[in-house]
Protein backbone atom coordinates (compact mmCIF):
# COMPACT_ATOMS: atom_id res chain seq x y z
CA MET A 1 85.78 3.75 22.48
CA THR A 2 86.46 0.07 21.83
CA ALA A 3 89.85 -0.72 20.32
CA PRO A 4 89.74 -2.34 16.86
CA ILE A 5 90.07 -6.13 16.79
CA ASP A 6 93.39 -7.48 15.57
CA LYS A 7 91.90 -10.01 13.13
CA GLU A 8 95.05 -12.10 12.66
CA LEU A 9 95.63 -12.36 16.43
CA HIS A 10 91.96 -13.19 16.98
CA ARG A 11 92.00 -15.82 14.24
CA GLY A 12 95.14 -17.44 15.70
CA ALA A 13 93.61 -17.59 19.17
CA ALA A 14 90.34 -18.96 17.77
CA ILE A 15 92.10 -21.74 15.86
CA GLU A 16 94.01 -22.73 18.99
CA GLN A 17 90.89 -22.81 21.19
CA ILE A 18 88.74 -24.58 18.60
CA ALA A 19 91.45 -27.18 17.96
CA LEU A 20 91.86 -27.85 21.69
CA ASP A 21 88.09 -28.18 22.03
CA ALA A 22 87.93 -30.59 19.07
CA ILE A 23 90.33 -33.04 20.76
CA GLY A 24 88.70 -32.65 24.19
CA ALA A 25 91.65 -30.85 25.77
CA LEU A 26 89.60 -28.01 27.26
CA SER A 27 87.61 -28.30 30.46
CA GLY A 28 85.45 -26.28 32.82
CA ALA A 29 84.60 -22.62 32.22
CA GLU A 30 87.47 -22.26 29.74
CA GLY A 31 86.38 -25.23 27.70
CA ALA A 32 83.86 -26.46 25.21
CA GLY A 33 80.96 -24.36 26.52
CA TRP A 34 82.67 -21.04 25.82
CA VAL A 35 83.91 -22.08 22.37
CA ARG A 36 80.52 -23.31 21.19
CA GLU A 37 78.64 -20.37 22.65
CA HIS A 38 81.06 -18.01 20.95
CA LEU A 39 80.59 -19.75 17.59
CA ASP A 40 76.83 -19.37 18.04
CA THR A 41 77.24 -15.56 18.16
CA GLY A 42 78.06 -15.62 14.46
CA CYS A 43 81.67 -14.41 14.79
CA GLU A 44 82.91 -14.53 11.21
CA ILE A 45 86.59 -14.87 12.18
CA CYS A 46 85.93 -17.83 14.48
CA ALA A 47 83.65 -19.47 11.93
CA GLN A 48 86.53 -19.34 9.44
CA ALA A 49 88.85 -20.76 12.09
CA ALA A 50 86.45 -23.63 12.78
CA GLU A 51 86.29 -24.41 9.06
CA ILE A 52 90.10 -24.54 8.90
CA VAL A 53 90.37 -26.81 11.94
CA HIS A 54 87.72 -29.26 10.81
CA GLY A 55 89.22 -29.34 7.31
CA VAL A 56 92.61 -30.27 8.75
CA PHE A 57 91.11 -32.95 11.01
CA GLU A 58 89.12 -34.48 8.15
CA SER A 59 92.28 -34.63 6.03
CA MET A 60 94.13 -36.37 8.86
CA LEU A 61 91.34 -38.94 9.25
CA LEU A 62 91.26 -39.67 5.53
CA ALA A 63 95.05 -40.05 5.47
CA ALA A 64 95.07 -42.66 8.23
CA GLN A 65 95.37 -46.28 7.16
CA PRO A 66 92.29 -48.37 8.12
CA VAL A 67 92.93 -50.74 11.04
CA LYS A 68 90.60 -53.58 11.99
CA PRO A 69 89.54 -53.01 15.62
CA PRO A 70 89.67 -55.91 18.10
CA ALA A 71 86.43 -57.81 18.62
CA SER A 72 86.12 -56.51 22.19
CA LEU A 73 86.30 -52.80 21.24
CA ARG A 74 82.53 -52.19 21.12
CA GLU A 75 82.00 -53.66 24.58
CA ARG A 76 84.88 -51.64 26.07
CA VAL A 77 83.52 -48.41 24.55
CA LEU A 78 80.01 -49.06 25.87
CA ARG A 79 81.36 -49.77 29.33
CA ALA A 80 83.50 -46.62 29.21
CA VAL A 81 80.51 -44.37 28.44
CA GLY A 82 78.50 -45.97 31.24
CA THR A 83 75.74 -47.57 29.21
CA SER A 84 72.94 -48.98 31.34
CA GLU A 85 72.27 -51.79 28.89
CA PRO A 86 73.74 -55.18 29.79
CA VAL A 87 76.62 -56.01 27.47
CA ALA A 88 77.57 -59.59 26.78
CA GLU A 89 81.30 -60.19 26.79
CA ALA A 90 82.40 -60.98 23.26
CA ALA A 91 84.43 -64.15 22.79
CA PRO A 92 88.01 -63.35 21.76
CA ASP A 93 88.84 -63.95 18.12
CA PRO A 94 91.55 -66.67 17.98
CA GLU A 95 93.03 -65.12 14.83
CA GLU A 96 93.52 -61.81 16.65
CA VAL A 97 94.81 -63.41 19.85
CA GLN A 98 97.05 -66.22 18.59
CA LEU A 99 99.22 -64.14 16.27
CA TRP A 100 102.06 -66.64 16.63
CA ASN A 101 100.16 -68.94 14.24
CA LYS A 102 101.04 -66.45 11.48
CA TRP A 103 104.72 -66.15 12.34
CA ALA A 104 107.18 -67.44 9.77
CA VAL A 105 109.02 -70.63 10.68
CA THR A 106 112.51 -69.95 12.04
CA ASP A 107 115.47 -71.27 10.07
CA PRO A 108 116.76 -74.24 12.14
CA LYS A 109 120.31 -73.06 12.64
CA PHE A 110 122.47 -71.72 15.45
CA TYR A 111 121.48 -68.07 15.96
CA THR A 112 121.25 -65.30 18.55
CA LEU A 113 118.60 -62.60 18.90
CA GLY A 114 119.44 -59.22 20.35
CA SER A 115 117.01 -57.51 22.74
CA ASP A 116 115.75 -55.32 19.88
CA ALA A 117 115.84 -57.94 17.10
CA THR A 118 112.08 -58.47 17.12
CA GLU A 119 109.31 -56.03 17.99
CA TRP A 120 106.55 -56.32 20.57
CA GLN A 121 103.19 -57.06 18.94
CA GLU A 122 99.78 -56.27 20.41
CA ILE A 123 97.29 -59.12 20.31
CA GLY A 124 93.48 -59.01 20.32
CA LEU A 125 93.36 -58.71 24.10
CA PRO A 126 93.88 -55.26 25.69
CA GLY A 127 97.20 -54.81 27.46
CA ILE A 128 98.91 -58.02 26.27
CA GLU A 129 101.93 -58.00 23.94
CA ILE A 130 104.15 -60.76 22.57
CA ARG A 131 107.66 -60.95 21.17
CA GLN A 132 108.75 -63.73 18.80
CA LEU A 133 111.84 -65.77 19.64
CA HIS A 134 111.52 -69.08 17.75
CA VAL A 135 109.01 -71.04 15.65
CA ASP A 136 109.54 -74.79 15.16
CA GLU A 137 107.40 -76.26 12.39
CA VAL A 138 108.43 -79.88 13.04
CA ARG A 139 107.41 -79.74 16.71
CA ASP A 140 104.54 -77.29 16.03
CA SER A 141 105.88 -75.10 18.83
CA VAL A 142 106.61 -71.46 19.46
CA THR A 143 108.98 -69.77 21.90
CA MET A 144 108.02 -66.22 22.84
CA VAL A 145 108.02 -63.57 25.53
CA VAL A 146 104.60 -62.44 26.75
CA ARG A 147 104.07 -59.10 28.50
CA MET A 148 100.81 -58.54 30.39
CA ALA A 149 99.84 -55.12 31.79
CA ALA A 150 98.42 -54.80 35.30
CA GLY A 151 94.83 -56.01 35.55
CA THR A 152 94.83 -57.97 32.30
CA SER A 153 93.92 -61.62 31.72
CA TYR A 154 94.24 -64.42 29.15
CA PRO A 155 91.23 -66.72 28.53
CA ARG A 156 90.87 -70.44 29.21
CA HIS A 157 92.55 -72.63 26.63
CA LYS A 158 93.34 -76.29 25.88
CA HIS A 159 96.93 -77.24 25.14
CA ALA A 160 97.62 -79.01 21.86
CA GLY A 161 101.14 -79.74 23.10
CA ASP A 162 103.28 -79.37 26.21
CA GLU A 163 103.55 -75.82 27.56
CA HIS A 164 106.41 -74.38 29.59
CA CYS A 165 105.91 -71.06 31.41
CA TYR A 166 108.67 -69.24 33.30
CA VAL A 167 107.88 -65.97 35.10
CA LEU A 168 110.57 -63.39 34.34
CA GLN A 169 108.90 -60.53 36.21
CA GLY A 170 105.73 -59.69 38.15
CA ASP A 171 102.85 -61.93 39.21
CA LEU A 172 100.65 -64.39 37.32
CA ARG A 173 97.52 -65.93 38.84
CA VAL A 174 96.56 -69.33 37.43
CA GLU A 175 93.29 -70.37 39.10
CA ASP A 176 94.19 -70.71 42.83
CA GLN A 177 97.96 -70.28 42.36
CA VAL A 178 100.02 -67.10 42.10
CA LEU A 179 103.32 -67.46 40.27
CA ARG A 180 106.04 -64.89 40.83
CA CYS A 181 109.48 -64.03 39.43
CA GLY A 182 111.51 -67.24 39.08
CA ASP A 183 108.51 -69.62 39.25
CA TYR A 184 108.00 -72.22 36.52
CA GLN A 185 104.87 -74.11 35.47
CA PHE A 186 104.51 -77.08 33.13
CA ALA A 187 101.18 -77.94 31.44
CA PRO A 188 101.08 -81.23 29.48
CA GLU A 189 99.44 -81.81 26.13
CA GLY A 190 95.64 -82.06 26.46
CA SER A 191 95.48 -80.14 29.74
CA ILE A 192 93.31 -77.05 30.22
CA HIS A 193 94.54 -73.77 31.63
CA GLY A 194 91.93 -71.69 33.42
CA GLU A 195 91.91 -67.92 32.99
CA GLN A 196 95.33 -66.45 33.72
CA SER A 197 95.48 -62.95 35.15
CA THR A 198 97.94 -60.52 36.69
CA GLU A 199 97.41 -57.91 39.38
CA ASN A 200 100.54 -55.82 38.91
CA GLY A 201 101.65 -56.93 35.46
CA CYS A 202 104.12 -59.63 34.40
CA THR A 203 106.58 -60.80 31.77
CA LEU A 204 106.66 -64.49 30.83
CA LEU A 205 108.86 -66.80 28.78
CA ILE A 206 106.54 -69.26 27.05
CA VAL A 207 107.22 -72.40 25.00
CA SER A 208 103.94 -73.77 23.69
CA SER A 209 102.11 -75.40 20.82
CA ARG A 210 100.94 -73.21 17.94
CA SER A 211 97.64 -75.09 17.88
CA ASP A 212 96.20 -74.39 21.34
CA GLU A 213 92.41 -73.98 21.43
CA LEU A 214 90.75 -70.98 23.10
CA LEU A 215 87.74 -72.05 25.20
CA THR A 216 84.67 -69.84 25.47
CA ASP A 217 82.31 -72.03 27.50
């Protein structure tokens, strides 16, 4: 004789399995296939559990604040799912990349910033973050720390003013040169920087114009 089903225990287990399946945390024989096949049997307890889970997830999605995705998101998603269609690389949006143009001008006085005084900000290029140090309105310049994750790159750009770049950590490839910790590079006003990339990641101290132009051709 089959033992009676403990409905509360069954419901708890069902909610756990359905929730794990909903976020893609199950795999193989224990994963999505079993959960969906079981729901197809018409199990009333599991159907109720699925309704609870999806109700919670919908509430979480509605509660989240809308965030404008970077311009390159669609292309990255299509590449990730292995689409066979050719995807043209979208030009980076200067407003999403050059966030320092929106930074407030720093009060021109003697001051010190602690290591946690300003936060790292993600820009519209995957894996690149910046930290504000100083903004000079008179000289139209910005001083900042740039952190690039391994395998990332920054597009070609034309300098509207002199640029100073000092490598604090890691490696930075600039065309046919590789800069490493302690290396310094100066780029004069009007010069063009080719794509800059890093193999293992890097941290840079940059002093540059706020009006540099990103180049897409």
